[in-house]
Amino acid sequence: MTERSTDERTRIRAAMDRLLTGQPTASDGALTVVALAAEAGVHRMALQKRHADLKHEFYERVRTETKQLPESEKRLRKTVSDLKETVAAQKAEIATLRHQVTQLALANAILTRQRHEPKKDSEEAPGNVIRLRPKEE
C-alpha cells in the first residue's frame, strides 16, 4: 500500500468512529457512505473502489454497534416492499382479466351459436320491424 492509501484508510477509520459515536465534524452525521466520505475528507468513489472493504466494515459496524440498518439497506428494503406490492396488484389484475376473458369467450360462443341456429317460427319480429320478405310457409 502507498502512503496516500494508508493515510486515507486511517482517516476513514477515524471518521467511522466519529460517525458511530455521534460526533461528526465535517458531515451531517448520517450513517451513509456519503457522510463517511465527507467526514474522512475523501471522494465517495474512493470508498466505492479503492476502499470497498472499509465501506463494508462501516455498514457492518452500523448494524452491530447502533442496531440500525444502513440508509442504503433501508432504501433497498423499501424498494423491495414497493415491488412486492406492485407484483401483488398486478397478479390480482391478471386474475381479474383472465376471468373477464373467460366470460367474454363464453358470451361470444353463445352469440355465435345463436347466429348460426335457424330461426324458429315461434320467434316473431318485434312490432316495430317490417319484414321485407314474406314468411316462408
N, C-alpha and C. Protein backbone atom coordinates (compact mmCIF):
# COMPACT_ATOMS: atom_id res chain seq x y z
N MET A 1 0.83 -1.18 0.00
CA MET A 1 0.00 0.00 0.00
C MET A 1 0.87 1.24 0.00
N THR A 2 0.38 2.24 -0.67
CA THR A 2 1.11 3.50 -0.70
C THR A 2 0.82 4.30 0.57
N GLU A 3 1.64 5.29 0.76
CA GLU A 3 1.45 6.14 1.96
C GLU A 3 0.13 6.89 1.88
N ARG A 4 -0.23 7.33 0.66
CA ARG A 4 -1.50 8.03 0.47
C ARG A 4 -2.68 7.14 0.82
N SER A 5 -2.62 5.89 0.38
CA SER A 5 -3.69 4.94 0.64
C SER A 5 -3.80 4.65 2.14
N THR A 6 -2.65 4.50 2.80
CA THR A 6 -2.64 4.24 4.23
C THR A 6 -3.23 5.43 4.99
N ASP A 7 -2.89 6.64 4.54
CA ASP A 7 -3.43 7.85 5.17
C ASP A 7 -4.94 7.93 4.99
N GLU A 8 -5.42 7.60 3.79
CA GLU A 8 -6.87 7.60 3.54
C GLU A 8 -7.57 6.60 4.45
N ARG A 9 -7.01 5.41 4.56
CA ARG A 9 -7.62 4.36 5.38
C ARG A 9 -7.68 4.79 6.85
N THR A 10 -6.63 5.43 7.32
CA THR A 10 -6.60 5.93 8.69
C THR A 10 -7.68 6.98 8.90
N ARG A 11 -7.80 7.91 7.95
CA ARG A 11 -8.83 8.96 8.05
C ARG A 11 -10.24 8.36 7.98
N ILE A 12 -10.42 7.35 7.14
CA ILE A 12 -11.74 6.71 7.01
C ILE A 12 -12.12 6.02 8.32
N ARG A 13 -11.18 5.30 8.90
CA ARG A 13 -11.47 4.60 10.17
C ARG A 13 -11.78 5.60 11.29
N ALA A 14 -11.03 6.71 11.33
CA ALA A 14 -11.30 7.74 12.33
C ALA A 14 -12.69 8.36 12.10
N ALA A 15 -13.03 8.57 10.84
CA ALA A 15 -14.35 9.12 10.50
C ALA A 15 -15.45 8.15 10.91
N MET A 16 -15.21 6.86 10.71
CA MET A 16 -16.18 5.84 11.14
C MET A 16 -16.46 5.98 12.63
N ASP A 17 -15.39 6.07 13.40
CA ASP A 17 -15.54 6.18 14.85
C ASP A 17 -16.34 7.43 15.23
N ARG A 18 -16.05 8.56 14.58
CA ARG A 18 -16.77 9.80 14.90
C ARG A 18 -18.25 9.67 14.55
N LEU A 19 -18.55 9.11 13.39
CA LEU A 19 -19.95 8.97 12.98
C LEU A 19 -20.70 8.02 13.90
N LEU A 20 -20.06 6.92 14.26
CA LEU A 20 -20.74 5.92 15.09
C LEU A 20 -20.94 6.39 16.53
N THR A 21 -20.11 7.32 16.97
CA THR A 21 -20.30 7.87 18.32
C THR A 21 -21.15 9.12 18.30
N GLY A 22 -21.59 9.54 17.11
CA GLY A 22 -22.45 10.70 17.01
C GLY A 22 -21.72 12.02 17.16
N GLN A 23 -20.45 12.07 16.79
CA GLN A 23 -19.66 13.29 16.92
C GLN A 23 -19.04 13.69 15.59
N PRO A 24 -19.85 13.92 14.56
CA PRO A 24 -19.29 14.30 13.26
C PRO A 24 -18.69 15.70 13.30
N THR A 25 -17.67 15.92 12.50
CA THR A 25 -17.04 17.24 12.44
C THR A 25 -17.14 17.86 11.05
N ALA A 26 -17.28 17.04 10.02
CA ALA A 26 -17.28 17.58 8.65
C ALA A 26 -18.45 17.10 7.81
N SER A 27 -19.43 16.46 8.43
CA SER A 27 -20.57 15.94 7.67
C SER A 27 -21.85 16.16 8.47
N ASP A 28 -22.96 15.69 7.90
CA ASP A 28 -24.24 15.84 8.59
C ASP A 28 -24.47 14.77 9.65
N GLY A 29 -23.57 13.81 9.74
CA GLY A 29 -23.67 12.78 10.77
C GLY A 29 -24.51 11.58 10.39
N ALA A 30 -25.01 11.56 9.16
CA ALA A 30 -25.81 10.41 8.71
C ALA A 30 -24.91 9.19 8.60
N LEU A 31 -25.50 8.04 8.79
CA LEU A 31 -24.72 6.80 8.71
C LEU A 31 -24.76 6.26 7.28
N THR A 32 -24.18 7.06 6.38
CA THR A 32 -24.13 6.71 4.96
C THR A 32 -22.70 6.81 4.46
N VAL A 33 -22.47 6.22 3.29
CA VAL A 33 -21.15 6.29 2.67
C VAL A 33 -20.82 7.73 2.30
N VAL A 34 -21.82 8.48 1.87
CA VAL A 34 -21.59 9.89 1.51
C VAL A 34 -21.09 10.67 2.72
N ALA A 35 -21.76 10.47 3.84
CA ALA A 35 -21.33 11.17 5.06
C ALA A 35 -19.95 10.68 5.51
N LEU A 36 -19.71 9.39 5.39
CA LEU A 36 -18.40 8.85 5.77
C LEU A 36 -17.30 9.45 4.91
N ALA A 37 -17.54 9.54 3.60
CA ALA A 37 -16.54 10.14 2.70
C ALA A 37 -16.31 11.61 3.06
N ALA A 38 -17.38 12.33 3.30
CA ALA A 38 -17.23 13.75 3.67
C ALA A 38 -16.49 13.89 5.00
N GLU A 39 -16.83 13.04 5.93
CA GLU A 39 -16.20 13.09 7.26
C GLU A 39 -14.71 12.76 7.16
N ALA A 40 -14.36 11.83 6.28
CA ALA A 40 -12.95 11.42 6.14
C ALA A 40 -12.17 12.33 5.21
N GLY A 41 -12.89 13.17 4.45
CA GLY A 41 -12.21 14.06 3.51
C GLY A 41 -11.71 13.33 2.29
N VAL A 42 -12.40 12.27 1.89
CA VAL A 42 -12.03 11.53 0.67
C VAL A 42 -13.22 11.55 -0.28
N HIS A 43 -12.93 11.30 -1.52
CA HIS A 43 -14.00 11.24 -2.52
C HIS A 43 -14.82 9.97 -2.29
N ARG A 44 -16.12 10.09 -2.53
CA ARG A 44 -17.02 8.94 -2.30
C ARG A 44 -16.60 7.73 -3.13
N MET A 45 -16.12 7.97 -4.34
CA MET A 45 -15.71 6.85 -5.20
C MET A 45 -14.47 6.13 -4.64
N ALA A 46 -13.69 6.83 -3.84
CA ALA A 46 -12.55 6.16 -3.20
C ALA A 46 -13.04 5.06 -2.28
N LEU A 47 -14.16 5.33 -1.59
CA LEU A 47 -14.75 4.30 -0.73
C LEU A 47 -15.36 3.17 -1.57
N GLN A 48 -15.93 3.53 -2.70
CA GLN A 48 -16.58 2.52 -3.53
C GLN A 48 -15.55 1.63 -4.24
N LYS A 49 -14.45 2.21 -4.65
CA LYS A 49 -13.46 1.47 -5.47
C LYS A 49 -12.26 0.99 -4.66
N ARG A 50 -11.47 1.94 -4.16
CA ARG A 50 -10.21 1.55 -3.51
C ARG A 50 -10.40 0.98 -2.12
N HIS A 51 -11.41 1.45 -1.40
CA HIS A 51 -11.58 1.05 -0.01
C HIS A 51 -12.95 0.41 0.22
N ALA A 52 -13.37 -0.45 -0.70
CA ALA A 52 -14.68 -1.11 -0.58
C ALA A 52 -14.76 -1.93 0.70
N ASP A 53 -13.63 -2.50 1.13
CA ASP A 53 -13.64 -3.28 2.37
C ASP A 53 -14.00 -2.40 3.57
N LEU A 54 -13.53 -1.15 3.57
CA LEU A 54 -13.87 -0.24 4.67
C LEU A 54 -15.33 0.18 4.61
N LYS A 55 -15.87 0.32 3.40
CA LYS A 55 -17.29 0.63 3.26
C LYS A 55 -18.12 -0.50 3.86
N HIS A 56 -17.77 -1.74 3.54
CA HIS A 56 -18.49 -2.89 4.10
C HIS A 56 -18.30 -2.98 5.61
N GLU A 57 -17.10 -2.67 6.06
CA GLU A 57 -16.83 -2.67 7.50
C GLU A 57 -17.70 -1.61 8.20
N PHE A 58 -17.82 -0.45 7.57
CA PHE A 58 -18.64 0.63 8.14
C PHE A 58 -20.09 0.17 8.27
N TYR A 59 -20.64 -0.40 7.21
CA TYR A 59 -22.03 -0.86 7.26
C TYR A 59 -22.22 -1.97 8.29
N GLU A 60 -21.24 -2.82 8.42
CA GLU A 60 -21.33 -3.89 9.42
C GLU A 60 -21.30 -3.30 10.83
N ARG A 61 -20.45 -2.30 11.03
CA ARG A 61 -20.40 -1.65 12.34
C ARG A 61 -21.70 -0.89 12.63
N VAL A 62 -22.29 -0.30 11.61
CA VAL A 62 -23.58 0.39 11.80
C VAL A 62 -24.61 -0.62 12.30
N ARG A 63 -24.63 -1.81 11.68
CA ARG A 63 -25.59 -2.83 12.09
C ARG A 63 -25.35 -3.31 13.52
N THR A 64 -24.10 -3.59 13.84
CA THR A 64 -23.81 -4.20 15.14
C THR A 64 -23.75 -3.19 16.28
N GLU A 65 -23.14 -2.04 16.05
CA GLU A 65 -22.95 -1.08 17.14
C GLU A 65 -24.17 -0.21 17.40
N THR A 66 -24.92 0.12 16.38
CA THR A 66 -26.06 1.01 16.57
C THR A 66 -27.39 0.28 16.48
N LYS A 67 -27.35 -0.99 16.13
CA LYS A 67 -28.56 -1.79 15.95
C LYS A 67 -29.50 -1.14 14.93
N GLN A 68 -28.91 -0.47 13.94
CA GLN A 68 -29.68 0.17 12.87
C GLN A 68 -29.31 -0.44 11.54
N LEU A 69 -30.20 -0.25 10.60
CA LEU A 69 -29.89 -0.64 9.23
C LEU A 69 -29.28 0.56 8.52
N PRO A 70 -28.28 0.35 7.70
CA PRO A 70 -27.73 1.47 6.94
C PRO A 70 -28.80 2.06 6.02
N GLU A 71 -28.66 3.33 5.69
CA GLU A 71 -29.63 4.02 4.85
C GLU A 71 -29.82 3.32 3.51
N SER A 72 -28.74 2.85 2.93
CA SER A 72 -28.85 2.17 1.63
C SER A 72 -29.69 0.90 1.76
N GLU A 73 -29.52 0.19 2.86
CA GLU A 73 -30.29 -1.03 3.06
C GLU A 73 -31.76 -0.70 3.33
N LYS A 74 -32.01 0.40 4.04
CA LYS A 74 -33.39 0.83 4.26
C LYS A 74 -34.07 1.15 2.93
N ARG A 75 -33.34 1.87 2.06
CA ARG A 75 -33.91 2.21 0.76
C ARG A 75 -34.17 0.95 -0.06
N LEU A 76 -33.25 0.00 -0.03
CA LEU A 76 -33.43 -1.24 -0.78
C LEU A 76 -34.62 -2.04 -0.23
N ARG A 77 -34.75 -2.09 1.08
CA ARG A 77 -35.89 -2.81 1.68
C ARG A 77 -37.21 -2.14 1.30
N LYS A 78 -37.22 -0.81 1.27
CA LYS A 78 -38.42 -0.08 0.86
C LYS A 78 -38.74 -0.39 -0.60
N THR A 79 -37.73 -0.40 -1.44
CA THR A 79 -37.93 -0.71 -2.85
C THR A 79 -38.47 -2.12 -3.02
N VAL A 80 -37.91 -3.07 -2.29
CA VAL A 80 -38.39 -4.46 -2.36
C VAL A 80 -39.84 -4.53 -1.91
N SER A 81 -40.17 -3.83 -0.84
CA SER A 81 -41.54 -3.82 -0.33
C SER A 81 -42.49 -3.23 -1.38
N ASP A 82 -42.09 -2.11 -1.99
CA ASP A 82 -42.92 -1.48 -3.02
C ASP A 82 -43.10 -2.42 -4.21
N LEU A 83 -42.03 -3.09 -4.61
CA LEU A 83 -42.12 -4.00 -5.75
C LEU A 83 -43.01 -5.19 -5.44
N LYS A 84 -42.96 -5.69 -4.21
CA LYS A 84 -43.85 -6.80 -3.83
C LYS A 84 -45.31 -6.37 -3.90
N GLU A 85 -45.59 -5.14 -3.45
CA GLU A 85 -46.96 -4.63 -3.54
C GLU A 85 -47.40 -4.51 -5.00
N THR A 86 -46.49 -4.02 -5.83
CA THR A 86 -46.80 -3.88 -7.26
C THR A 86 -47.08 -5.23 -7.89
N VAL A 87 -46.26 -6.23 -7.57
CA VAL A 87 -46.45 -7.57 -8.12
C VAL A 87 -47.78 -8.14 -7.65
N ALA A 88 -48.12 -7.96 -6.38
CA ALA A 88 -49.39 -8.46 -5.86
C ALA A 88 -50.56 -7.80 -6.59
N ALA A 89 -50.47 -6.49 -6.80
CA ALA A 89 -51.54 -5.78 -7.51
C ALA A 89 -51.65 -6.26 -8.95
N GLN A 90 -50.52 -6.50 -9.58
CA GLN A 90 -50.53 -6.99 -10.96
C GLN A 90 -51.09 -8.40 -11.05
N LYS A 91 -50.77 -9.24 -10.07
CA LYS A 91 -51.33 -10.59 -10.05
C LYS A 91 -52.85 -10.55 -9.92
N ALA A 92 -53.34 -9.66 -9.06
CA ALA A 92 -54.80 -9.52 -8.89
C ALA A 92 -55.43 -9.03 -10.18
N GLU A 93 -54.78 -8.07 -10.83
CA GLU A 93 -55.31 -7.55 -12.09
C GLU A 93 -55.32 -8.64 -13.17
N ILE A 94 -54.27 -9.43 -13.22
CA ILE A 94 -54.20 -10.53 -14.20
C ILE A 94 -55.32 -11.52 -13.95
N ALA A 95 -55.58 -11.86 -12.69
CA ALA A 95 -56.66 -12.79 -12.36
C ALA A 95 -58.00 -12.22 -12.81
N THR A 96 -58.22 -10.93 -12.57
CA THR A 96 -59.46 -10.28 -13.00
C THR A 96 -59.58 -10.31 -14.52
N LEU A 97 -58.51 -10.00 -15.21
CA LEU A 97 -58.53 -10.00 -16.67
C LEU A 97 -58.76 -11.41 -17.23
N ARG A 98 -58.18 -12.41 -16.61
CA ARG A 98 -58.41 -13.79 -17.06
C ARG A 98 -59.88 -14.16 -16.91
N HIS A 99 -60.48 -13.75 -15.79
CA HIS A 99 -61.90 -14.02 -15.57
C HIS A 99 -62.74 -13.32 -16.63
N GLN A 100 -62.40 -12.07 -16.94
CA GLN A 100 -63.13 -11.33 -17.97
C GLN A 100 -62.98 -11.99 -19.33
N VAL A 101 -61.80 -12.47 -19.66
CA VAL A 101 -61.58 -13.15 -20.94
C VAL A 101 -62.44 -14.40 -21.01
N THR A 102 -62.50 -15.15 -19.94
CA THR A 102 -63.34 -16.35 -19.91
C THR A 102 -64.80 -15.99 -20.12
N GLN A 103 -65.27 -14.95 -19.43
CA GLN A 103 -66.66 -14.53 -19.57
C GLN A 103 -66.95 -14.05 -20.99
N LEU A 104 -66.04 -13.30 -21.56
CA LEU A 104 -66.24 -12.82 -22.93
C LEU A 104 -66.21 -13.96 -23.94
N ALA A 105 -65.35 -14.94 -23.74
CA ALA A 105 -65.30 -16.10 -24.63
C ALA A 105 -66.60 -16.88 -24.57
N LEU A 106 -67.14 -17.03 -23.37
CA LEU A 106 -68.43 -17.73 -23.23
C LEU A 106 -69.55 -16.94 -23.90
N ALA A 107 -69.58 -15.64 -23.71
CA ALA A 107 -70.60 -14.81 -24.35
C ALA A 107 -70.47 -14.87 -25.87
N ASN A 108 -69.25 -14.87 -26.36
CA ASN A 108 -69.00 -14.97 -27.81
C ASN A 108 -69.50 -16.31 -28.34
N ALA A 109 -69.26 -17.37 -27.61
CA ALA A 109 -69.71 -18.70 -28.05
C ALA A 109 -71.23 -18.75 -28.11
N ILE A 110 -71.89 -18.18 -27.13
CA ILE A 110 -73.36 -18.17 -27.12
C ILE A 110 -73.90 -17.36 -28.30
N LEU A 111 -73.33 -16.19 -28.52
CA LEU A 111 -73.80 -15.34 -29.62
C LEU A 111 -73.52 -15.99 -30.98
N THR A 112 -72.39 -16.62 -31.12
CA THR A 112 -72.06 -17.31 -32.37
C THR A 112 -73.03 -18.45 -32.61
N ARG A 113 -73.34 -19.20 -31.60
CA ARG A 113 -74.26 -20.31 -31.74
C ARG A 113 -75.65 -19.81 -32.11
N GLN A 114 -76.09 -18.75 -31.45
CA GLN A 114 -77.41 -18.19 -31.75
C GLN A 114 -77.47 -17.68 -33.19
N ARG A 115 -76.41 -17.14 -33.68
CA ARG A 115 -76.37 -16.58 -35.02
C ARG A 115 -76.50 -17.67 -36.07
N HIS A 116 -75.89 -18.83 -35.80
CA HIS A 116 -75.89 -19.91 -36.78
C HIS A 116 -77.10 -20.84 -36.66
N GLU A 117 -77.85 -20.72 -35.63
CA GLU A 117 -79.04 -21.55 -35.49
C GLU A 117 -80.16 -21.00 -36.35
N PRO A 118 -80.93 -21.88 -37.01
CA PRO A 118 -82.06 -21.37 -37.80
C PRO A 118 -83.11 -20.77 -36.87
N LYS A 119 -83.79 -19.74 -37.37
CA LYS A 119 -84.83 -19.10 -36.56
C LYS A 119 -86.04 -20.02 -36.48
N LYS A 120 -86.63 -20.04 -35.36
CA LYS A 120 -87.82 -20.85 -35.15
C LYS A 120 -89.05 -20.00 -35.45
N ASP A 121 -90.13 -20.66 -35.81
CA ASP A 121 -91.36 -19.93 -36.14
C ASP A 121 -91.88 -19.15 -34.94
N SER A 122 -91.59 -19.66 -33.77
CA SER A 122 -92.11 -19.00 -32.58
C SER A 122 -91.45 -17.66 -32.33
N GLU A 123 -90.32 -17.45 -32.98
CA GLU A 123 -89.63 -16.18 -32.79
C GLU A 123 -90.19 -15.16 -33.76
N GLU A 124 -90.95 -14.28 -33.30
CA GLU A 124 -91.55 -13.24 -34.13
C GLU A 124 -90.69 -11.98 -34.04
N ALA A 125 -90.77 -11.22 -35.09
CA ALA A 125 -90.06 -9.95 -35.10
C ALA A 125 -90.78 -8.97 -34.19
N PRO A 126 -90.07 -8.06 -33.60
CA PRO A 126 -90.71 -7.07 -32.74
C PRO A 126 -91.73 -6.27 -33.55
N GLY A 127 -92.68 -5.62 -32.88
CA GLY A 127 -93.77 -4.92 -33.52
C GLY A 127 -93.34 -3.76 -34.41
N ASN A 128 -92.19 -3.20 -34.18
CA ASN A 128 -91.78 -2.05 -34.98
C ASN A 128 -90.91 -2.45 -36.17
N VAL A 129 -90.80 -3.77 -36.46
CA VAL A 129 -89.99 -4.25 -37.57
C VAL A 129 -90.92 -4.72 -38.67
N ILE A 130 -90.67 -4.24 -39.88
CA ILE A 130 -91.46 -4.67 -41.03
C ILE A 130 -90.61 -5.63 -41.83
N ARG A 131 -91.16 -6.82 -42.09
CA ARG A 131 -90.41 -7.80 -42.87
C ARG A 131 -90.39 -7.39 -44.32
N LEU A 132 -89.25 -7.52 -44.96
CA LEU A 132 -89.15 -7.22 -46.38
C LEU A 132 -89.51 -8.45 -47.22
N ARG A 133 -89.29 -9.59 -46.71
CA ARG A 133 -89.64 -10.82 -47.41
C ARG A 133 -90.78 -11.48 -46.65
N PRO A 134 -91.72 -11.98 -47.36
CA PRO A 134 -92.79 -12.66 -46.66
C PRO A 134 -92.28 -13.93 -45.99
N LYS A 135 -92.95 -14.32 -44.97
CA LYS A 135 -92.61 -15.55 -44.24
C LYS A 135 -92.80 -16.73 -45.15
N GLU A 136 -91.83 -17.60 -45.15
CA GLU A 136 -91.95 -18.81 -45.96
C GLU A 136 -92.80 -19.81 -45.19
N GLU A 137 -93.74 -20.39 -45.90
CA GLU A 137 -94.63 -21.33 -45.21
C GLU A 137 -94.50 -22.70 -45.80
